[in-house]
Amino acid sequence: MKIAIDPFMHRHLPLEQIPAKVKELGYDWIELSPRGDFLEWFKAPRVFPDRIKSLKKALKAADVGIASLLPMYRWASNDEIERQAAVKHWKRAIEIAVELGVDTMNSEFGRGPHPDKGSCYCCHTGSMIEACEDAWWRSMDELVPILEREGIQLNVEPHPEDWCETLQPALDIIRTVNSKSVKFLYCAPHTFYFGDDTKAMLRESADVLAHVHVGDTFNHKASSGLRYILNPPGTQARVHQHLNIGQGEVPWDDFFGTLAEIGFDGIMTTCVFAWEDRADHSGKFMRNEIQRYIDTYWSK
């Protein structure tokens, strides 16, 4: 198992300082999420030979590896020009993974067209969801053969507000891709969007599960929907968190216990965003907590 950290809360550091920081926090692996000087959000990668060289040098000096690269491109946009640009960026990101010797990438199903274009995207408008799913399949038709050829595994997660934001149909969509190169990522902070039975959901995911994100969250459906109070009343906005273990309501014994039960041996990434003012403390705390659960359940 690779225990990694998403260093998003440390993105103010130069890229070359990230490996040493990750090592200081107790990790041997990085899940490198979007940042302006590498895989920028939705835009072409800001990557060139000297940057690859300096990152490799920093990784070697810190004795840290990249467990996964996390690109975020609009591969599910129903604006065909935008989708084609996203696929172009994806192809370059795959090349970068190969250059770095990284064998895994992960991403989200995607939220459809960019709001800057004035398109109104809502997860409850079925026609929009269908258009975005069709766009995603066109992108996968182009990308899966490349992933397979290059030996890159892609782990995909449903995300709140994506065209696919729930456990089902996400699992069946990934099974339908029918490629050993495309697997499922279970994000614990999205638990209560998936359902209420963590054990059952992880067991259902077992055949395609390769990657988990670890962070706590509150059950936004609890307390008659008043766990979070949003103004004005009736707003369609929804909330989830990425907190330290123990600060929310994810049933962690169920989570880790079931992962051990199904023989999970993939990537486990600390995925906390809420405490930039305490980023070092959060990273160290999460590493220790994850290890405590691993020692408890994987040693049985």
Protein backbone atom coordinates (compact mmCIF):
# COMPACT_ATOMS: atom_id res chain seq x y z
CA MET A 1 0.00 0.00 0.00
CA LYS A 2 1.20 3.53 -0.80
CA ILE A 3 0.30 6.15 1.81
CA ALA A 4 0.42 9.52 0.07
CA ILE A 5 -0.48 13.14 0.75
CA ASP A 6 -2.10 15.67 -1.54
CA PRO A 7 0.10 18.73 -0.83
CA PHE A 8 -2.56 21.24 -1.91
CA MET A 9 -2.34 23.08 1.44
CA HIS A 10 1.40 23.54 0.79
CA ARG A 11 0.98 24.82 -2.78
CA HIS A 12 2.58 28.15 -1.79
CA LEU A 13 5.92 26.33 -1.69
CA PRO A 14 7.99 26.09 -4.88
CA LEU A 15 7.46 22.77 -6.64
CA GLU A 16 11.02 21.66 -5.90
CA GLN A 17 10.44 22.08 -2.15
CA ILE A 18 7.36 19.86 -2.04
CA PRO A 19 9.20 16.50 -1.83
CA ALA A 20 11.26 17.59 1.20
CA LYS A 21 8.14 18.97 2.90
CA VAL A 22 6.24 15.74 2.28
CA LYS A 23 9.11 13.75 3.77
CA GLU A 24 9.18 16.06 6.80
CA LEU A 25 5.49 15.31 7.37
CA GLY A 26 6.17 11.58 7.40
CA TYR A 27 5.18 10.50 3.87
CA ASP A 28 7.10 8.66 1.17
CA TRP A 29 4.56 9.38 -1.56
CA ILE A 30 2.88 12.41 -3.15
CA GLU A 31 -0.43 12.66 -4.97
CA LEU A 32 0.42 15.71 -7.04
CA SER A 33 -2.75 17.72 -7.55
CA PRO A 34 -3.21 20.78 -9.81
CA ARG A 35 -0.93 23.74 -9.21
CA GLY A 36 -0.14 26.76 -11.35
CA ASP A 37 3.46 25.74 -12.10
CA PHE A 38 2.75 22.16 -13.17
CA LEU A 39 -0.64 20.63 -14.03
CA GLU A 40 -2.69 23.81 -13.95
CA TRP A 41 -6.45 23.62 -13.36
CA PHE A 42 -8.23 23.12 -16.73
CA LYS A 43 -5.36 24.64 -18.75
CA ALA A 44 -2.37 23.28 -20.63
CA PRO A 45 0.37 21.85 -18.36
CA ARG A 46 3.09 24.34 -17.41
CA VAL A 47 5.77 21.69 -17.80
CA PHE A 48 9.04 21.79 -19.73
CA PRO A 49 12.32 19.79 -19.65
CA ASP A 50 14.09 21.84 -16.97
CA ARG A 51 11.05 21.63 -14.67
CA ILE A 52 10.88 17.85 -15.09
CA LYS A 53 14.61 17.63 -14.39
CA SER A 54 14.47 19.78 -11.24
CA LEU A 55 11.43 17.87 -9.89
CA LYS A 56 13.14 14.53 -10.45
CA LYS A 57 16.22 15.82 -8.63
CA ALA A 58 14.14 17.03 -5.67
CA LEU A 59 12.25 13.72 -5.46
CA LYS A 60 15.49 11.75 -5.45
CA ALA A 61 17.09 13.99 -2.83
CA ALA A 62 14.11 13.60 -0.50
CA ASP A 63 13.68 9.87 -1.26
CA VAL A 64 10.03 10.51 -2.12
CA GLY A 65 7.98 9.19 -5.03
CA ILE A 66 4.90 10.37 -6.92
CA ALA A 67 2.15 7.84 -6.29
CA SER A 68 -0.25 9.61 -8.64
CA LEU A 69 -0.69 12.68 -10.81
CA LEU A 70 -4.09 14.39 -10.57
CA PRO A 71 -5.03 16.33 -13.71
CA MET A 72 -8.27 18.30 -13.85
CA TYR A 73 -9.47 19.01 -17.38
CA ARG A 74 -12.95 19.46 -18.84
CA TRP A 75 -13.03 16.11 -20.61
CA ALA A 76 -16.81 15.88 -20.06
CA SER A 77 -17.66 19.24 -21.59
CA ASN A 78 -20.50 19.24 -24.11
CA ASP A 79 -18.72 22.14 -25.79
CA GLU A 80 -16.73 20.12 -28.32
CA ILE A 81 -13.93 22.67 -28.67
CA GLU A 82 -13.49 22.69 -24.91
CA ARG A 83 -13.57 18.87 -24.77
CA GLN A 84 -10.97 18.56 -27.50
CA ALA A 85 -8.69 20.97 -25.64
CA ALA A 86 -9.12 18.90 -22.48
CA VAL A 87 -8.17 15.70 -24.31
CA LYS A 88 -5.09 17.43 -25.73
CA HIS A 89 -4.07 18.45 -22.19
CA TRP A 90 -4.75 14.92 -20.94
CA LYS A 91 -2.47 13.48 -23.61
CA ARG A 92 0.33 15.82 -22.54
CA ALA A 93 -0.27 14.97 -18.86
CA ILE A 94 0.10 11.27 -19.71
CA GLU A 95 3.40 12.05 -21.46
CA ILE A 96 4.53 13.87 -18.30
CA ALA A 97 3.62 10.87 -16.15
CA VAL A 98 5.72 8.66 -18.41
CA GLU A 99 8.64 11.11 -18.26
CA LEU A 100 8.48 11.05 -14.46
CA GLY A 101 8.15 7.27 -14.26
CA VAL A 102 4.68 7.59 -12.66
CA ASP A 103 2.31 4.70 -13.35
CA THR A 104 -0.93 6.10 -11.88
CA MET A 105 -3.15 9.11 -12.50
CA ASN A 106 -6.47 10.07 -10.93
CA SER A 107 -9.23 12.54 -11.65
CA GLU A 108 -12.95 13.27 -11.36
CA PHE A 109 -15.77 12.54 -13.79
CA GLY A 110 -16.03 16.27 -14.44
CA ARG A 111 -18.52 19.10 -14.13
CA GLY A 112 -19.21 19.77 -17.77
CA PRO A 113 -18.76 23.09 -19.60
CA HIS A 114 -16.91 25.98 -18.05
CA PRO A 115 -19.28 28.43 -16.30
CA ASP A 116 -17.37 31.33 -17.86
CA LYS A 117 -19.11 30.44 -21.13
CA GLY A 118 -22.43 31.27 -19.53
CA SER A 119 -23.73 27.72 -19.63
CA CYS A 120 -25.95 26.83 -16.70
CA TYR A 121 -24.95 23.46 -15.31
CA CYS A 122 -27.10 21.76 -12.72
CA CYS A 123 -26.84 18.14 -11.64
CA HIS A 124 -30.64 17.84 -11.73
CA THR A 125 -31.11 18.70 -15.41
CA GLY A 126 -31.07 15.29 -17.05
CA SER A 127 -30.37 16.47 -20.58
CA MET A 128 -27.18 18.19 -19.43
CA ILE A 129 -26.03 15.10 -17.56
CA GLU A 130 -26.60 12.99 -20.68
CA ALA A 131 -24.65 15.42 -22.87
CA CYS A 132 -21.74 15.48 -20.43
CA GLU A 133 -21.69 11.70 -20.12
CA ASP A 134 -21.64 11.36 -23.90
CA ALA A 135 -18.73 13.81 -24.03
CA TRP A 136 -16.85 11.84 -21.36
CA TRP A 137 -17.24 8.62 -23.31
CA ARG A 138 -15.85 10.30 -26.43
CA SER A 139 -12.84 11.41 -24.39
CA MET A 140 -12.35 7.92 -22.96
CA ASP A 141 -12.47 6.44 -26.46
CA GLU A 142 -9.36 8.49 -27.22
CA LEU A 143 -7.56 8.21 -23.88
CA VAL A 144 -8.01 4.59 -22.78
CA PRO A 145 -5.92 3.15 -25.63
CA ILE A 146 -3.12 5.57 -24.74
CA LEU A 147 -3.30 4.69 -21.04
CA GLU A 148 -3.17 1.00 -21.92
CA ARG A 149 -0.24 1.45 -24.30
CA GLU A 150 1.77 3.50 -21.80
CA GLY A 151 1.01 1.28 -18.80
CA ILE A 152 -0.75 4.06 -16.87
CA GLN A 153 -3.62 3.30 -14.50
CA LEU A 154 -6.35 5.93 -14.21
CA ASN A 155 -8.45 6.02 -11.03
CA VAL A 156 -11.69 8.01 -11.38
CA GLU A 157 -13.91 9.43 -8.61
CA PRO A 158 -17.45 10.78 -8.64
CA HIS A 159 -17.54 14.27 -7.14
CA PRO A 160 -20.45 16.37 -5.84
CA GLU A 161 -21.75 18.45 -8.77
CA ASP A 162 -20.15 16.20 -11.41
CA TRP A 163 -22.38 14.67 -14.06
CA CYS A 164 -21.71 11.50 -12.06
CA GLU A 165 -21.56 12.22 -8.34
CA THR A 166 -22.71 8.98 -6.70
CA LEU A 167 -21.36 5.48 -6.11
CA GLN A 168 -23.80 4.21 -8.68
CA PRO A 169 -23.67 4.61 -11.61
CA ALA A 170 -19.93 5.38 -11.15
CA LEU A 171 -19.00 1.76 -10.42
CA ASP A 172 -20.94 0.38 -13.36
CA ILE A 173 -19.57 3.05 -15.69
CA ILE A 174 -16.02 2.08 -14.76
CA ARG A 175 -16.86 -1.59 -15.20
CA THR A 176 -18.35 -0.74 -18.61
CA VAL A 177 -15.07 0.86 -19.70
CA ASN A 178 -13.79 -2.70 -19.22
CA SER A 179 -10.11 -1.84 -19.05
CA LYS A 180 -7.54 -2.94 -16.49
CA SER A 181 -6.19 0.60 -16.83
CA VAL A 182 -9.33 2.30 -15.43
CA LYS A 183 -10.28 1.82 -11.78
CA PHE A 184 -12.36 3.47 -9.04
CA LEU A 185 -11.34 6.02 -6.43
CA TYR A 186 -13.45 6.16 -3.24
CA CYS A 187 -13.28 9.59 -1.63
CA ALA A 188 -14.23 9.38 2.05
CA PRO A 189 -15.13 13.11 2.26
CA HIS A 190 -17.90 12.34 -0.25
CA THR A 191 -19.25 9.45 1.81
CA PHE A 192 -22.65 10.95 2.53
CA TYR A 193 -23.25 11.78 -1.13
CA PHE A 194 -22.66 8.10 -1.90
CA GLY A 195 -24.91 6.64 0.80
CA ASP A 196 -25.08 5.78 4.49
CA ASP A 197 -23.58 2.28 4.74
CA THR A 198 -19.81 2.58 4.41
CA LYS A 199 -19.21 -1.16 4.76
CA ALA A 200 -21.69 -2.05 2.04
CA MET A 201 -20.38 0.62 -0.34
CA LEU A 202 -16.75 -0.43 -0.01
CA ARG A 203 -17.67 -4.09 -0.46
CA GLU A 204 -19.65 -3.19 -3.58
CA SER A 205 -16.59 -1.32 -4.90
CA ALA A 206 -14.08 -4.07 -4.17
CA ASP A 207 -13.59 -5.43 -7.70
CA VAL A 208 -12.59 -2.02 -9.15
CA LEU A 209 -11.31 -0.14 -6.07
CA ALA A 210 -7.68 0.97 -6.39
CA HIS A 211 -7.43 4.30 -4.58
CA VAL A 212 -8.98 6.03 -1.56
CA HIS A 213 -8.94 9.61 -0.32
CA VAL A 214 -8.90 10.02 3.45
CA GLY A 215 -10.55 13.06 5.00
CA ASP A 216 -13.49 13.57 7.33
CA THR A 217 -16.80 15.29 6.67
CA PHE A 218 -20.19 15.88 8.24
CA ASN A 219 -23.34 14.11 7.14
CA HIS A 220 -25.05 17.00 5.36
CA LYS A 221 -28.33 15.03 5.39
CA ALA A 222 -28.43 14.68 9.19
CA SER A 223 -30.43 16.75 11.66
CA SER A 224 -33.29 17.12 9.18
CA GLY A 225 -30.81 18.54 6.68
CA LEU A 226 -29.64 21.17 9.16
CA ARG A 227 -26.15 19.85 9.90
CA TYR A 228 -25.11 22.79 7.74
CA ILE A 229 -27.31 25.87 7.66
CA LEU A 230 -27.22 27.74 4.36
CA ASN A 231 -28.62 31.16 3.62
CA PRO A 232 -30.90 32.15 2.06
CA PRO A 233 -33.18 29.25 3.06
CA GLY A 234 -33.90 26.95 0.16
CA THR A 235 -30.63 27.66 -1.65
CA GLN A 236 -29.49 24.85 -3.96
CA ALA A 237 -25.91 25.13 -2.70
CA ARG A 238 -24.53 21.99 -1.07
CA VAL A 239 -21.57 21.51 1.22
CA HIS A 240 -18.96 18.91 1.98
CA GLN A 241 -15.70 19.11 3.90
CA HIS A 242 -12.19 17.65 3.81
CA LEU A 243 -11.32 17.58 7.52
CA ASN A 244 -8.89 15.74 9.77
CA ILE A 245 -9.98 12.29 10.91
CA GLY A 246 -12.26 12.66 13.93
CA GLN A 247 -13.57 16.12 13.07
CA GLY A 248 -16.59 14.84 11.16
CA GLU A 249 -18.88 11.83 11.02
CA VAL A 250 -17.25 9.31 8.68
CA PRO A 251 -17.29 5.93 10.49
CA TRP A 252 -13.56 5.29 10.40
CA ASP A 253 -13.57 1.84 11.96
CA ASP A 254 -16.04 0.75 9.28
CA PHE A 255 -13.93 2.44 6.58
CA PHE A 256 -10.53 1.01 7.48
CA GLY A 257 -11.90 -2.29 8.76
CA THR A 258 -13.73 -2.96 5.50
CA LEU A 259 -10.74 -1.93 3.38
CA ALA A 260 -8.66 -4.50 5.26
CA GLU A 261 -11.43 -7.10 4.87
CA ILE A 262 -11.52 -6.72 1.07
CA GLY A 263 -7.73 -6.80 0.84
CA PHE A 264 -7.21 -3.20 -0.27
CA ASP A 265 -3.57 -2.63 -1.26
CA GLY A 266 -3.73 0.46 -3.45
CA ILE A 267 -3.07 4.16 -2.89
CA MET A 268 -4.35 5.80 0.32
CA THR A 269 -4.09 9.59 0.14
CA THR A 270 -4.45 12.14 2.91
CA CYS A 271 -6.88 14.61 1.34
CA VAL A 272 -7.46 17.46 3.83
CA PHE A 273 -7.99 21.05 2.66
CA ALA A 274 -9.57 22.80 5.63
CA TRP A 275 -6.54 23.82 7.67
CA GLU A 276 -4.07 25.82 5.60
CA ASP A 277 -3.13 27.73 8.74
CA ARG A 278 -2.18 24.39 10.35
CA ALA A 279 -1.10 22.45 7.29
CA ASP A 280 1.99 20.85 8.84
CA HIS A 281 0.08 19.73 11.93
CA SER A 282 -2.74 18.34 9.80
CA GLY A 283 -0.37 16.39 7.56
CA LYS A 284 1.49 14.82 10.49
CA PHE A 285 -1.71 14.08 12.39
CA MET A 286 -3.29 12.35 9.39
CA ARG A 287 -0.19 10.25 8.75
CA ASN A 288 -0.18 9.04 12.34
CA GLU A 289 -3.91 8.32 12.39
CA ILE A 290 -3.81 6.38 9.14
CA GLN A 291 -0.92 4.30 10.44
CA ARG A 292 -2.80 3.63 13.67
CA TYR A 293 -5.77 2.24 11.74
CA ILE A 294 -3.51 0.21 9.45
CA ASP A 295 -1.74 -1.30 12.44
CA THR A 296 -5.13 -2.11 13.97
CA TYR A 297 -6.83 -3.72 10.97
CA TRP A 298 -4.17 -4.95 8.55
CA SER A 299 -2.23 -6.82 11.26
CA LYS A 300 -5.16 -9.12 12.04
